[in-house]
Amino acid sequence: MQSLLQWDRAWLKHINSEWHNRFLDGLLPALRNQDTWLPLYLFLLLFIAVNYKNTRWWWIAFAIATVIATNFISSGLIKQNIIRLRPCNDPAIAGWVRTFKGIYLPQSSSFVSAHAANHFGMATFFYLTLKKEFKTWPLLFFVWAFGISYAQMYVGVHYPTDILGGIIIGLFIGYIIGQRFNKQYGLL
């Protein structure tokens, strides 16, 4: 367990304290903010509602179910039972961890990242349900989810294993719900 913690801290130090620049210092804190990503998701909901009249409400319901499920498992179950200090609150690394002015520093448990779970869950659901219509374009949702997840480490609120745990949960839940939607309805 100690070697995993050392690995986590070493990678966090690279991401948070060494691999930074002025451009990323402006971009990544903004990327993890809901004011940045919420318009994309609202646009997608509107796009589906306008263009897929037969199954639009089912798609929206399944998309919302994906977020509810990933958030419940990550925040409601795991974070409540696995208590881990976030990097920004860990006195053992306070000497080098960078935090950002104006960034909310949560006091909740660090493991797992709900941002990673939610965004990777949505990316998986979007990919599975939209790939038939849009080919490889829905893969960009994974790039988006990765950027948001990376930003969580960059601003010092999550360790890499928190992100990996969230990604696994998101991929799993998004896959199950996306497959279920495709089997029952599909976009028509």
Foldseek 3Di string as FASTA:
>chain_A
DVVVVVVLVVVLCCLAFNPDDPVCLPPLLVLLDCVVVVVVVVVVLVVLVVPFVPCSVVLVVLLVVLLVQLCCVFPVPPQVPDAAAFQCRDPVCVVGGAADPPRDQDGTGQAADSLLQSQLLNLLLCCLQCCVPVPCVSVVSVVSSVSNLSSCSNNRGHTPVNNVRSNVNSNVSSNVSSVVCCVPPGGD
